[in-house]
């Protein structure tokens, strides 16, 4: 479903790994720059100097624009910096990818969004103001919850949680991980990849495959 074949780019050298359908994996990278590049490579925004990056069996360097958009519609990403549209309200940020990729109407998903936000730790009385706020005006904890909720609402085949746990308080951290497990279980074969540039951004303990970027730039098992 997700595969790198001898990828060389930035701090990566001959990096190879494969995530089959249903895989649960965490990947520890060396630096924030490598994390940013990893996501750019995984979304086709950057191309490796050597090797192949495959998403759902397609080499992204060979994908046309429409094909790439279709592949990205099957991929939910929680971006480290949020990746929000700053002049759109929180509710609009959640609905934008659903409208763009799925043609979803906001009124059909409102109850689903509210339920998800409550499970992620937003109190019911807070939800109306949360949804009406601009993302930049939310406290950091709620910005992280927004990123998780937006990605999960896409109901994607692959979920990429990039640095999602960095700086989260323990109760919210636990809620995010619990919801991530429920979300994965709802679809057979769904991939969940937790990737971060520091161990704090990754789940611990972890019941899945553990990989890391070594000092030579490869991707190796993490014991």
N, C-alpha and C. Protein backbone atom coordinates (compact mmCIF):
# COMPACT_ATOMS: atom_id res chain seq x y z
N UNK A 1 0.83 -1.21 0.00
CA UNK A 1 0.00 0.00 0.00
C UNK A 1 0.86 1.26 0.00
N UNK A 2 1.90 1.27 0.85
CA UNK A 2 2.89 2.34 0.86
C UNK A 2 4.26 1.69 0.78
N UNK A 3 5.08 2.13 -0.15
CA UNK A 3 6.40 1.51 -0.29
C UNK A 3 7.42 2.52 -0.79
N UNK A 4 8.60 2.43 -0.22
CA UNK A 4 9.78 3.14 -0.72
C UNK A 4 10.76 2.09 -1.23
N UNK A 5 11.28 2.33 -2.42
CA UNK A 5 12.24 1.42 -3.00
C UNK A 5 13.53 2.16 -3.29
N UNK A 6 14.53 1.95 -2.44
CA UNK A 6 15.87 2.53 -2.62
C UNK A 6 15.81 4.04 -2.85
N UNK A 7 15.09 4.73 -1.98
CA UNK A 7 14.88 6.17 -2.14
C UNK A 7 16.07 6.95 -1.59
N UNK A 8 16.58 7.84 -2.42
CA UNK A 8 17.61 8.78 -2.01
C UNK A 8 17.09 10.19 -2.26
N UNK A 9 17.01 10.97 -1.18
CA UNK A 9 16.53 12.36 -1.25
C UNK A 9 16.83 13.01 0.08
N UNK A 10 17.43 14.20 0.07
CA UNK A 10 17.72 14.88 1.33
C UNK A 10 18.55 14.00 2.25
N UNK A 11 18.04 13.78 3.47
CA UNK A 11 18.75 12.95 4.43
C UNK A 11 18.52 11.46 4.27
N UNK A 12 17.75 11.04 3.27
CA UNK A 12 17.50 9.62 3.03
C UNK A 12 18.48 9.08 1.99
N UNK A 13 19.01 7.91 2.28
CA UNK A 13 19.96 7.26 1.37
C UNK A 13 19.57 5.80 1.21
N UNK A 14 19.15 5.44 -0.02
CA UNK A 14 18.80 4.05 -0.32
C UNK A 14 17.77 3.52 0.69
N UNK A 15 16.78 4.35 1.02
CA UNK A 15 15.79 4.01 2.04
C UNK A 15 14.70 3.12 1.44
N UNK A 16 14.44 2.00 2.10
CA UNK A 16 13.47 1.03 1.61
C UNK A 16 12.59 0.54 2.76
N UNK A 17 11.28 0.56 2.55
CA UNK A 17 10.34 -0.08 3.48
C UNK A 17 9.02 -0.28 2.75
N UNK A 18 8.21 -1.20 3.28
CA UNK A 18 6.91 -1.50 2.69
C UNK A 18 5.88 -1.67 3.79
N UNK A 19 4.72 -1.04 3.61
CA UNK A 19 3.58 -1.22 4.51
C UNK A 19 2.46 -1.88 3.71
N UNK A 20 2.17 -3.12 4.05
CA UNK A 20 1.10 -3.86 3.39
C UNK A 20 -0.25 -3.43 3.95
N UNK A 21 -1.35 -3.76 3.26
CA UNK A 21 -2.68 -3.43 3.80
C UNK A 21 -2.85 -3.96 5.22
N UNK A 22 -3.40 -3.14 6.09
CA UNK A 22 -3.62 -3.51 7.47
C UNK A 22 -2.45 -3.24 8.39
N UNK A 23 -1.34 -2.74 7.86
CA UNK A 23 -0.14 -2.53 8.67
C UNK A 23 -0.34 -1.40 9.68
N UNK A 24 0.27 -1.58 10.84
CA UNK A 24 0.34 -0.53 11.86
C UNK A 24 1.82 -0.33 12.15
N UNK A 25 2.31 0.88 11.96
CA UNK A 25 3.75 1.10 12.02
C UNK A 25 4.06 2.46 12.63
N UNK A 26 5.20 2.55 13.30
CA UNK A 26 5.73 3.84 13.72
C UNK A 26 7.12 3.98 13.12
N UNK A 27 7.45 5.20 12.73
CA UNK A 27 8.72 5.48 12.05
C UNK A 27 9.36 6.70 12.70
N UNK A 28 10.55 6.52 13.23
CA UNK A 28 11.29 7.60 13.88
C UNK A 28 12.32 8.16 12.91
N UNK A 29 12.18 9.46 12.60
CA UNK A 29 13.11 10.11 11.69
C UNK A 29 14.11 10.96 12.46
N UNK A 30 15.19 11.33 11.79
CA UNK A 30 16.31 12.00 12.45
C UNK A 30 16.00 13.47 12.73
N UNK A 31 15.31 14.15 11.82
CA UNK A 31 15.13 15.60 11.97
C UNK A 31 13.78 16.05 11.45
N UNK A 32 13.40 17.27 11.85
CA UNK A 32 12.16 17.87 11.35
C UNK A 32 12.22 18.07 9.84
N UNK A 33 13.41 18.39 9.32
CA UNK A 33 13.56 18.56 7.87
C UNK A 33 13.29 17.25 7.14
N UNK A 34 13.75 16.14 7.71
CA UNK A 34 13.50 14.85 7.09
C UNK A 34 12.02 14.48 7.18
N UNK A 35 11.36 14.87 8.27
CA UNK A 35 9.92 14.62 8.38
C UNK A 35 9.15 15.39 7.32
N UNK A 36 9.49 16.66 7.13
CA UNK A 36 8.83 17.46 6.09
C UNK A 36 9.07 16.86 4.71
N UNK A 37 10.31 16.45 4.44
CA UNK A 37 10.61 15.85 3.14
C UNK A 37 9.89 14.52 2.98
N UNK A 38 9.83 13.73 4.04
CA UNK A 38 9.12 12.46 3.98
C UNK A 38 7.68 12.66 3.52
N UNK A 39 7.00 13.64 4.10
CA UNK A 39 5.61 13.90 3.73
C UNK A 39 5.49 14.43 2.31
N UNK A 40 6.42 15.26 1.90
CA UNK A 40 6.40 15.78 0.53
C UNK A 40 6.61 14.65 -0.48
N UNK A 41 7.50 13.74 -0.16
CA UNK A 41 7.72 12.59 -1.05
C UNK A 41 6.50 11.69 -1.09
N UNK A 42 5.87 11.52 0.07
CA UNK A 42 4.73 10.61 0.17
C UNK A 42 3.48 11.15 -0.51
N UNK A 43 3.43 12.45 -0.73
CA UNK A 43 2.27 13.06 -1.39
C UNK A 43 2.57 13.48 -2.83
N UNK A 44 3.77 13.19 -3.30
CA UNK A 44 4.12 13.53 -4.67
C UNK A 44 4.51 14.98 -4.86
N UNK A 45 4.63 15.74 -3.75
CA UNK A 45 5.03 17.15 -3.85
C UNK A 45 6.52 17.29 -4.11
N UNK A 46 7.28 16.24 -3.83
CA UNK A 46 8.72 16.20 -4.13
C UNK A 46 9.03 14.83 -4.72
N UNK A 47 10.10 14.77 -5.48
CA UNK A 47 10.51 13.51 -6.10
C UNK A 47 11.91 13.14 -5.63
N UNK A 48 12.15 11.87 -5.43
CA UNK A 48 13.49 11.46 -5.00
C UNK A 48 14.50 11.62 -6.12
N UNK A 49 15.76 11.82 -5.72
CA UNK A 49 16.84 11.84 -6.71
C UNK A 49 17.02 10.47 -7.33
N UNK A 50 16.80 9.44 -6.50
CA UNK A 50 16.86 8.06 -6.96
C UNK A 50 15.78 7.26 -6.25
N UNK A 51 15.36 6.16 -6.87
CA UNK A 51 14.40 5.28 -6.25
C UNK A 51 12.96 5.64 -6.57
N UNK A 52 12.04 4.90 -5.93
CA UNK A 52 10.61 5.05 -6.20
C UNK A 52 9.84 5.17 -4.89
N UNK A 53 8.84 6.04 -4.91
CA UNK A 53 7.87 6.14 -3.82
C UNK A 53 6.53 5.69 -4.38
N UNK A 54 5.97 4.62 -3.81
CA UNK A 54 4.73 4.05 -4.31
C UNK A 54 3.61 4.24 -3.29
N UNK A 55 2.46 4.65 -3.78
CA UNK A 55 1.26 4.79 -2.98
C UNK A 55 0.16 3.99 -3.65
N UNK A 56 -0.36 2.99 -2.94
CA UNK A 56 -1.36 2.08 -3.49
C UNK A 56 -0.88 1.46 -4.81
N UNK A 57 0.41 1.13 -4.84
CA UNK A 57 0.99 0.45 -5.98
C UNK A 57 1.40 1.33 -7.14
N UNK A 58 1.20 2.63 -7.03
CA UNK A 58 1.53 3.56 -8.11
C UNK A 58 2.77 4.37 -7.76
N UNK A 59 3.73 4.40 -8.69
CA UNK A 59 4.91 5.24 -8.54
C UNK A 59 4.48 6.69 -8.71
N UNK A 60 4.63 7.48 -7.65
CA UNK A 60 4.10 8.84 -7.69
C UNK A 60 4.78 9.70 -8.75
N UNK A 61 6.02 9.39 -9.08
CA UNK A 61 6.73 10.17 -10.09
C UNK A 61 6.12 9.96 -11.48
N UNK A 62 5.39 8.86 -11.65
CA UNK A 62 4.80 8.55 -12.94
C UNK A 62 3.31 8.88 -13.00
N UNK A 63 2.74 9.32 -11.88
CA UNK A 63 1.30 9.58 -11.83
C UNK A 63 0.96 10.94 -12.44
N UNK A 64 -0.10 10.97 -13.23
CA UNK A 64 -0.61 12.23 -13.75
C UNK A 64 -1.37 12.98 -12.66
N UNK A 65 -1.78 14.20 -12.95
CA UNK A 65 -2.42 15.04 -11.94
C UNK A 65 -3.69 14.42 -11.40
N UNK A 66 -4.56 13.94 -12.28
CA UNK A 66 -5.82 13.36 -11.83
C UNK A 66 -5.58 12.08 -11.04
N UNK A 67 -4.65 11.27 -11.48
CA UNK A 67 -4.35 10.03 -10.77
C UNK A 67 -3.77 10.34 -9.38
N UNK A 68 -2.90 11.33 -9.30
CA UNK A 68 -2.32 11.71 -8.02
C UNK A 68 -3.40 12.20 -7.05
N UNK A 69 -4.34 13.02 -7.53
CA UNK A 69 -5.42 13.50 -6.69
C UNK A 69 -6.28 12.35 -6.18
N UNK A 70 -6.50 11.35 -7.02
CA UNK A 70 -7.29 10.19 -6.60
C UNK A 70 -6.56 9.40 -5.52
N UNK A 71 -5.24 9.29 -5.64
CA UNK A 71 -4.46 8.58 -4.63
C UNK A 71 -4.46 9.34 -3.31
N UNK A 72 -4.33 10.66 -3.38
CA UNK A 72 -4.32 11.47 -2.16
C UNK A 72 -5.68 11.49 -1.49
N UNK A 73 -6.76 11.31 -2.25
CA UNK A 73 -8.09 11.23 -1.66
C UNK A 73 -8.22 9.99 -0.77
N UNK A 74 -7.38 9.00 -1.00
CA UNK A 74 -7.40 7.77 -0.19
C UNK A 74 -6.41 7.84 0.96
N UNK A 75 -5.81 9.01 1.19
CA UNK A 75 -4.77 9.16 2.20
C UNK A 75 -5.13 10.30 3.15
N UNK A 76 -5.27 10.00 4.42
CA UNK A 76 -5.52 11.01 5.43
C UNK A 76 -4.23 11.36 6.14
N UNK A 77 -3.91 12.64 6.22
CA UNK A 77 -2.64 13.05 6.83
C UNK A 77 -2.90 14.07 7.93
N UNK A 78 -2.34 13.81 9.10
CA UNK A 78 -2.32 14.80 10.17
C UNK A 78 -0.97 15.50 10.07
N UNK A 79 -0.97 16.74 9.62
CA UNK A 79 0.26 17.47 9.35
C UNK A 79 0.84 18.05 10.64
N UNK A 80 2.16 18.06 10.79
CA UNK A 80 2.77 18.57 12.03
C UNK A 80 2.38 20.00 12.36
N UNK A 81 2.30 20.86 11.36
CA UNK A 81 1.95 22.26 11.60
C UNK A 81 0.49 22.56 11.39
N UNK A 82 -0.32 21.55 11.24
CA UNK A 82 -1.76 21.73 11.04
C UNK A 82 -2.16 21.67 9.57
N UNK A 83 -1.50 22.49 8.73
CA UNK A 83 -1.85 22.52 7.32
C UNK A 83 -3.23 23.08 7.06
N UNK A 84 -3.69 23.97 7.95
CA UNK A 84 -5.04 24.50 7.82
C UNK A 84 -5.09 25.68 6.85
N UNK A 85 -6.26 25.94 6.31
CA UNK A 85 -6.51 27.16 5.55
C UNK A 85 -6.85 28.24 6.57
N UNK A 86 -5.96 29.21 6.75
CA UNK A 86 -6.03 30.11 7.90
C UNK A 86 -7.26 31.00 7.90
N UNK A 87 -7.80 31.33 6.72
CA UNK A 87 -8.95 32.24 6.68
C UNK A 87 -10.29 31.51 6.61
N UNK A 88 -10.26 30.18 6.77
CA UNK A 88 -11.49 29.40 6.86
C UNK A 88 -11.71 28.96 8.30
N UNK A 89 -12.94 28.93 8.72
CA UNK A 89 -13.25 28.50 10.08
C UNK A 89 -12.95 27.01 10.25
N UNK A 90 -12.88 26.60 11.50
CA UNK A 90 -12.57 25.22 11.82
C UNK A 90 -13.51 24.25 11.10
N UNK A 91 -14.81 24.53 11.14
CA UNK A 91 -15.79 23.66 10.48
C UNK A 91 -15.51 23.58 8.98
N UNK A 92 -15.17 24.69 8.38
CA UNK A 92 -14.88 24.71 6.94
C UNK A 92 -13.60 23.94 6.63
N UNK A 93 -12.60 24.02 7.52
CA UNK A 93 -11.38 23.25 7.32
C UNK A 93 -11.64 21.75 7.37
N UNK A 94 -12.54 21.32 8.25
CA UNK A 94 -12.88 19.90 8.32
C UNK A 94 -13.61 19.45 7.07
N UNK A 95 -14.52 20.28 6.58
CA UNK A 95 -15.38 19.88 5.47
C UNK A 95 -14.72 20.04 4.11
N UNK A 96 -13.71 20.91 4.00
CA UNK A 96 -13.13 21.20 2.69
C UNK A 96 -12.63 19.95 1.97
N UNK A 97 -11.80 19.08 2.59
CA UNK A 97 -11.37 17.89 1.85
C UNK A 97 -12.52 16.93 1.55
N UNK A 98 -13.55 16.89 2.41
CA UNK A 98 -14.69 16.03 2.14
C UNK A 98 -15.48 16.52 0.94
N UNK A 99 -15.64 17.83 0.86
CA UNK A 99 -16.33 18.39 -0.30
C UNK A 99 -15.50 18.21 -1.57
N UNK A 100 -14.19 18.47 -1.45
CA UNK A 100 -13.32 18.45 -2.63
C UNK A 100 -13.17 17.04 -3.20
N UNK A 101 -12.93 16.07 -2.31
CA UNK A 101 -12.66 14.70 -2.78
C UNK A 101 -13.91 13.84 -2.88
N UNK A 102 -14.94 14.14 -2.07
CA UNK A 102 -16.10 13.24 -2.01
C UNK A 102 -17.41 13.91 -2.38
N UNK A 103 -17.41 15.23 -2.54
CA UNK A 103 -18.65 15.93 -2.84
C UNK A 103 -19.64 15.90 -1.68
N UNK A 104 -19.12 15.76 -0.44
CA UNK A 104 -19.99 15.65 0.73
C UNK A 104 -20.62 16.99 1.07
N UNK A 105 -21.88 16.96 1.51
CA UNK A 105 -22.57 18.16 1.95
C UNK A 105 -22.41 18.30 3.46
N UNK A 106 -22.10 19.50 3.96
CA UNK A 106 -21.81 19.68 5.39
C UNK A 106 -22.90 19.16 6.31
N UNK A 107 -24.16 19.38 5.95
CA UNK A 107 -25.25 19.01 6.87
C UNK A 107 -25.35 17.50 7.07
N UNK A 108 -24.80 16.71 6.14
CA UNK A 108 -24.88 15.26 6.27
C UNK A 108 -23.82 14.70 7.21
N UNK A 109 -22.84 15.49 7.59
CA UNK A 109 -21.73 14.97 8.39
C UNK A 109 -21.59 15.64 9.76
N UNK A 110 -22.51 16.55 10.08
CA UNK A 110 -22.36 17.33 11.30
C UNK A 110 -22.36 16.46 12.55
N UNK A 111 -23.31 15.53 12.66
CA UNK A 111 -23.38 14.68 13.84
C UNK A 111 -22.12 13.83 13.97
N UNK A 112 -21.61 13.35 12.84
CA UNK A 112 -20.38 12.54 12.85
C UNK A 112 -19.19 13.35 13.36
N UNK A 113 -19.08 14.59 12.90
CA UNK A 113 -17.99 15.46 13.34
C UNK A 113 -18.09 15.73 14.83
N UNK A 114 -19.27 16.06 15.31
CA UNK A 114 -19.45 16.37 16.73
C UNK A 114 -19.10 15.17 17.60
N UNK A 115 -19.55 13.99 17.20
CA UNK A 115 -19.23 12.79 17.97
C UNK A 115 -17.74 12.53 18.02
N UNK A 116 -17.06 12.73 16.90
CA UNK A 116 -15.62 12.53 16.84
C UNK A 116 -14.89 13.52 17.74
N UNK A 117 -15.29 14.78 17.69
CA UNK A 117 -14.65 15.79 18.52
C UNK A 117 -14.83 15.49 20.01
N UNK A 118 -16.00 15.02 20.39
CA UNK A 118 -16.23 14.67 21.79
C UNK A 118 -15.33 13.52 22.22
N UNK A 119 -15.17 12.52 21.35
CA UNK A 119 -14.29 11.39 21.69
C UNK A 119 -12.83 11.81 21.78
N UNK A 120 -12.47 12.86 21.06
CA UNK A 120 -11.10 13.36 21.09
C UNK A 120 -10.85 14.35 22.24
N UNK A 121 -11.91 14.64 23.01
CA UNK A 121 -11.70 15.43 24.21
C UNK A 121 -12.20 16.86 24.17
N UNK A 122 -12.97 17.24 23.15
CA UNK A 122 -13.57 18.58 23.13
C UNK A 122 -14.91 18.49 23.87
N UNK A 123 -15.06 19.26 24.92
CA UNK A 123 -16.29 19.22 25.71
C UNK A 123 -17.48 19.69 24.88
N UNK A 124 -18.66 19.07 25.07
CA UNK A 124 -19.84 19.43 24.26
C UNK A 124 -20.15 20.92 24.26
N UNK A 125 -20.03 21.58 25.42
CA UNK A 125 -20.33 23.01 25.48
C UNK A 125 -19.32 23.85 24.70
N UNK A 126 -18.16 23.30 24.46
CA UNK A 126 -17.10 24.03 23.76
C UNK A 126 -17.21 23.87 22.24
N UNK A 127 -17.89 22.83 21.77
CA UNK A 127 -17.87 22.50 20.34
C UNK A 127 -18.40 23.62 19.44
N UNK A 128 -19.51 24.30 19.76
CA UNK A 128 -19.96 25.38 18.85
C UNK A 128 -18.91 26.46 18.63
N UNK A 129 -18.25 26.91 19.72
CA UNK A 129 -17.21 27.93 19.57
C UNK A 129 -15.99 27.37 18.85
N UNK A 130 -15.66 26.11 19.11
CA UNK A 130 -14.55 25.44 18.44
C UNK A 130 -14.76 25.45 16.93
N UNK A 131 -15.95 25.04 16.48
CA UNK A 131 -16.22 24.94 15.05
C UNK A 131 -16.32 26.30 14.38
N UNK A 132 -16.68 27.33 15.13
CA UNK A 132 -16.83 28.67 14.56
C UNK A 132 -15.54 29.46 14.57
N UNK A 133 -14.51 28.97 15.24
CA UNK A 133 -13.25 29.69 15.37
C UNK A 133 -12.38 29.53 14.13
N UNK A 134 -11.50 30.50 13.91
CA UNK A 134 -10.43 30.31 12.94
C UNK A 134 -9.36 29.42 13.58
N UNK A 135 -8.72 28.53 12.82
CA UNK A 135 -7.76 27.60 13.41
C UNK A 135 -6.66 28.27 14.21
N UNK A 136 -6.15 29.41 13.72
CA UNK A 136 -5.05 30.08 14.39
C UNK A 136 -5.41 30.63 15.75
N UNK A 137 -6.70 30.73 16.05
CA UNK A 137 -7.13 31.25 17.34
C UNK A 137 -7.39 30.15 18.36
N UNK A 138 -7.29 28.90 17.94
CA UNK A 138 -7.46 27.78 18.85
C UNK A 138 -6.17 27.57 19.65
N UNK A 139 -6.26 27.12 20.89
CA UNK A 139 -5.05 26.75 21.62
C UNK A 139 -4.38 25.55 20.95
N UNK A 140 -3.07 25.35 21.19
CA UNK A 140 -2.33 24.28 20.50
C UNK A 140 -2.98 22.90 20.63
N UNK A 141 -3.49 22.57 21.82
CA UNK A 141 -4.13 21.26 22.00
C UNK A 141 -5.31 21.10 21.04
N UNK A 142 -6.14 22.12 20.92
CA UNK A 142 -7.31 22.02 20.05
C UNK A 142 -6.92 22.05 18.58
N UNK A 143 -5.84 22.73 18.24
CA UNK A 143 -5.36 22.67 16.86
C UNK A 143 -4.97 21.24 16.48
N UNK A 144 -4.32 20.55 17.42
CA UNK A 144 -3.93 19.16 17.15
C UNK A 144 -5.17 18.27 17.00
N UNK A 145 -6.17 18.49 17.85
CA UNK A 145 -7.41 17.74 17.73
C UNK A 145 -8.09 18.02 16.39
N UNK A 146 -8.08 19.27 15.97
CA UNK A 146 -8.65 19.63 14.67
C UNK A 146 -7.97 18.86 13.54
N UNK A 147 -6.63 18.81 13.57
CA UNK A 147 -5.90 18.10 12.52
C UNK A 147 -6.26 16.62 12.47
N UNK A 148 -6.38 16.01 13.65
CA UNK A 148 -6.74 14.59 13.71
C UNK A 148 -8.16 14.38 13.19
N UNK A 149 -9.09 15.21 13.64
CA UNK A 149 -10.48 15.06 13.21
C UNK A 149 -10.63 15.26 11.71
N UNK A 150 -9.97 16.26 11.17
CA UNK A 150 -10.08 16.51 9.72
C UNK A 150 -9.59 15.31 8.92
N UNK A 151 -8.45 14.74 9.32
CA UNK A 151 -7.89 13.59 8.59
C UNK A 151 -8.79 12.37 8.74
N UNK A 152 -9.30 12.12 9.94
CA UNK A 152 -10.14 10.94 10.15
C UNK A 152 -11.46 11.03 9.40
N UNK A 153 -11.99 12.23 9.25
CA UNK A 153 -13.26 12.39 8.57
C UNK A 153 -13.17 12.03 7.09
N UNK A 154 -11.96 11.99 6.54
CA UNK A 154 -11.81 11.59 5.14
C UNK A 154 -12.09 10.11 4.93
N UNK A 155 -12.08 9.33 6.03
CA UNK A 155 -12.35 7.89 5.93
C UNK A 155 -11.41 7.23 4.91
N UNK A 156 -10.14 7.56 5.01
CA UNK A 156 -9.15 7.16 4.01
C UNK A 156 -8.67 5.72 4.23
N UNK A 157 -8.05 5.18 3.19
CA UNK A 157 -7.47 3.83 3.27
C UNK A 157 -6.15 3.81 4.02
N UNK A 158 -5.45 4.91 4.04
CA UNK A 158 -4.18 5.02 4.76
C UNK A 158 -4.19 6.29 5.60
N UNK A 159 -3.77 6.17 6.85
CA UNK A 159 -3.71 7.31 7.75
C UNK A 159 -2.26 7.55 8.14
N UNK A 160 -1.80 8.79 7.97
CA UNK A 160 -0.44 9.18 8.33
C UNK A 160 -0.54 10.19 9.47
N UNK A 161 -0.07 9.79 10.64
CA UNK A 161 -0.09 10.66 11.82
C UNK A 161 1.32 11.22 12.01
N UNK A 162 1.55 12.44 11.57
CA UNK A 162 2.90 13.01 11.58
C UNK A 162 3.09 13.88 12.83
N UNK A 163 3.92 13.41 13.75
CA UNK A 163 4.20 14.17 14.98
C UNK A 163 2.97 14.46 15.79
N UNK A 164 1.95 13.61 15.68
CA UNK A 164 0.65 13.95 16.23
C UNK A 164 0.64 14.04 17.75
N UNK A 165 1.56 13.35 18.41
CA UNK A 165 1.54 13.32 19.87
C UNK A 165 2.48 14.33 20.51
N UNK A 166 3.26 15.02 19.71
CA UNK A 166 4.22 16.00 20.25
C UNK A 166 3.53 17.03 21.12
N UNK A 167 3.95 17.14 22.37
CA UNK A 167 3.46 18.18 23.24
C UNK A 167 2.07 17.99 23.79
N UNK A 168 1.41 16.88 23.49
CA UNK A 168 0.06 16.66 24.00
C UNK A 168 0.10 16.23 25.46
N UNK A 169 -0.87 16.70 26.23
CA UNK A 169 -1.00 16.25 27.61
C UNK A 169 -1.40 14.78 27.62
N UNK A 170 -1.05 14.02 28.66
CA UNK A 170 -1.33 12.58 28.69
C UNK A 170 -2.78 12.20 28.44
N UNK A 171 -3.78 12.88 29.04
CA UNK A 171 -5.17 12.48 28.75
C UNK A 171 -5.55 12.62 27.28
N UNK A 172 -5.15 13.74 26.65
CA UNK A 172 -5.48 13.93 25.24
C UNK A 172 -4.71 12.95 24.37
N UNK A 173 -3.47 12.70 24.74
CA UNK A 173 -2.65 11.71 24.03
C UNK A 173 -3.36 10.35 24.03
N UNK A 174 -3.86 9.95 25.18
CA UNK A 174 -4.55 8.67 25.28
C UNK A 174 -5.81 8.64 24.42
N UNK A 175 -6.58 9.74 24.43
CA UNK A 175 -7.80 9.80 23.63
C UNK A 175 -7.49 9.71 22.13
N UNK A 176 -6.45 10.39 21.69
CA UNK A 176 -6.07 10.35 20.27
C UNK A 176 -5.69 8.93 19.87
N UNK A 177 -4.90 8.26 20.68
CA UNK A 177 -4.48 6.89 20.35
C UNK A 177 -5.65 5.92 20.37
N UNK A 178 -6.56 6.09 21.33
CA UNK A 178 -7.75 5.24 21.38
C UNK A 178 -8.60 5.42 20.13
N UNK A 179 -8.79 6.67 19.71
CA UNK A 179 -9.60 6.93 18.53
C UNK A 179 -8.90 6.44 17.26
N UNK A 180 -7.57 6.56 17.22
CA UNK A 180 -6.82 6.05 16.07
C UNK A 180 -7.00 4.54 15.94
N UNK A 181 -7.01 3.82 17.06
CA UNK A 181 -7.22 2.38 17.03
C UNK A 181 -8.64 2.05 16.55
N UNK A 182 -9.64 2.78 17.06
CA UNK A 182 -11.02 2.55 16.61
C UNK A 182 -11.17 2.85 15.13
N UNK A 183 -10.55 3.95 14.70
CA UNK A 183 -10.65 4.36 13.30
C UNK A 183 -10.06 3.28 12.39
N UNK A 184 -8.92 2.74 12.74
CA UNK A 184 -8.29 1.70 11.91
C UNK A 184 -9.16 0.45 11.86
N UNK A 185 -9.79 0.10 12.98
CA UNK A 185 -10.57 -1.12 13.04
C UNK A 185 -11.85 -1.05 12.22
N UNK A 186 -12.28 0.16 11.89
CA UNK A 186 -13.54 0.30 11.15
C UNK A 186 -13.42 -0.11 9.69
N UNK A 187 -12.22 -0.21 9.16
CA UNK A 187 -12.05 -0.60 7.76
C UNK A 187 -10.96 -1.65 7.64
N UNK A 188 -11.31 -2.79 7.08
CA UNK A 188 -10.33 -3.86 6.89
C UNK A 188 -9.23 -3.39 5.94
N UNK A 189 -7.99 -3.64 6.33
CA UNK A 189 -6.86 -3.29 5.47
C UNK A 189 -6.36 -1.88 5.60
N UNK A 190 -6.99 -1.07 6.44
CA UNK A 190 -6.54 0.32 6.60
C UNK A 190 -5.14 0.34 7.23
N UNK A 191 -4.26 1.17 6.68
CA UNK A 191 -2.91 1.35 7.20
C UNK A 191 -2.88 2.53 8.17
N UNK A 192 -2.12 2.38 9.25
CA UNK A 192 -1.88 3.49 10.18
C UNK A 192 -0.38 3.63 10.37
N UNK A 193 0.15 4.78 9.99
CA UNK A 193 1.58 5.06 10.13
C UNK A 193 1.77 6.29 11.01
N UNK A 194 2.46 6.09 12.13
CA UNK A 194 2.85 7.19 13.01
C UNK A 194 4.30 7.53 12.69
N UNK A 195 4.54 8.76 12.29
CA UNK A 195 5.89 9.18 11.92
C UNK A 195 6.22 10.48 12.64
N UNK A 196 7.44 10.60 13.14
CA UNK A 196 7.83 11.80 13.88
C UNK A 196 9.34 11.95 13.83
N UNK A 197 9.79 13.17 14.16
CA UNK A 197 11.22 13.46 14.20
C UNK A 197 11.76 13.39 15.62
N UNK A 198 10.99 12.83 16.52
CA UNK A 198 11.41 12.63 17.90
C UNK A 198 10.51 11.61 18.53
N UNK A 199 11.04 10.82 19.46
CA UNK A 199 10.26 9.73 20.03
C UNK A 199 9.02 10.22 20.76
N UNK A 200 9.02 11.48 21.23
CA UNK A 200 7.86 12.01 21.94
C UNK A 200 6.62 12.04 21.05
N UNK A 201 6.83 12.16 19.75
CA UNK A 201 5.71 12.24 18.84
C UNK A 201 5.16 10.89 18.42
N UNK A 202 5.69 9.80 19.01
CA UNK A 202 5.27 8.45 18.64
C UNK A 202 4.66 7.73 19.82
N UNK A 203 3.73 6.80 19.56
CA UNK A 203 3.11 6.05 20.66
C UNK A 203 4.10 5.12 21.34
N UNK A 204 3.97 5.00 22.66
CA UNK A 204 4.82 4.13 23.47
C UNK A 204 4.03 3.73 24.72
N UNK A 205 3.82 2.42 24.97
CA UNK A 205 4.27 1.26 24.20
C UNK A 205 3.51 1.17 22.87
N UNK A 206 3.97 0.26 22.02
CA UNK A 206 3.41 0.20 20.68
C UNK A 206 3.29 -1.25 20.23
N UNK A 207 2.12 -1.60 19.75
CA UNK A 207 1.85 -2.95 19.26
C UNK A 207 1.79 -2.92 17.74
N UNK A 208 2.94 -2.89 17.12
CA UNK A 208 3.02 -2.84 15.67
C UNK A 208 4.47 -2.83 15.25
N UNK A 209 4.73 -2.62 13.97
CA UNK A 209 6.10 -2.57 13.47
C UNK A 209 6.74 -1.24 13.84
N UNK A 210 8.02 -1.28 14.18
CA UNK A 210 8.77 -0.07 14.53
C UNK A 210 9.98 0.05 13.62
N UNK A 211 10.06 1.20 12.94
CA UNK A 211 11.17 1.48 12.04
C UNK A 211 11.82 2.79 12.44
N UNK A 212 13.06 2.99 12.00
CA UNK A 212 13.74 4.25 12.25
C UNK A 212 14.68 4.55 11.09
N UNK A 213 14.98 5.82 10.97
CA UNK A 213 15.98 6.28 10.01
C UNK A 213 17.33 6.21 10.69
N UNK A 214 18.28 5.49 10.11
CA UNK A 214 19.60 5.40 10.73
C UNK A 214 20.48 6.57 10.30
N UNK A 215 21.67 6.64 10.87
CA UNK A 215 22.55 7.77 10.61
C UNK A 215 23.04 7.82 9.17
N UNK A 216 22.94 6.70 8.46
CA UNK A 216 23.32 6.68 7.04
C UNK A 216 22.16 7.06 6.13
N UNK A 217 20.97 7.24 6.70
CA UNK A 217 19.82 7.66 5.90
C UNK A 217 18.92 6.53 5.47
N UNK A 218 19.23 5.32 5.86
CA UNK A 218 18.36 4.18 5.52
C UNK A 218 17.20 4.04 6.50
N UNK A 219 16.27 3.16 6.19
CA UNK A 219 15.15 2.83 7.07
C UNK A 219 15.36 1.41 7.56
N UNK A 220 15.49 1.25 8.88
CA UNK A 220 15.83 -0.04 9.46
C UNK A 220 14.89 -0.35 10.62
N UNK A 221 14.82 -1.61 11.06
CA UNK A 221 14.00 -1.95 12.23
C UNK A 221 14.49 -1.21 13.46
N UNK A 222 13.54 -0.84 14.30
CA UNK A 222 13.84 -0.12 15.55
C UNK A 222 13.51 -1.04 16.70
N UNK A 223 14.51 -1.46 17.42
CA UNK A 223 14.34 -2.39 18.54
C UNK A 223 13.99 -1.64 19.81
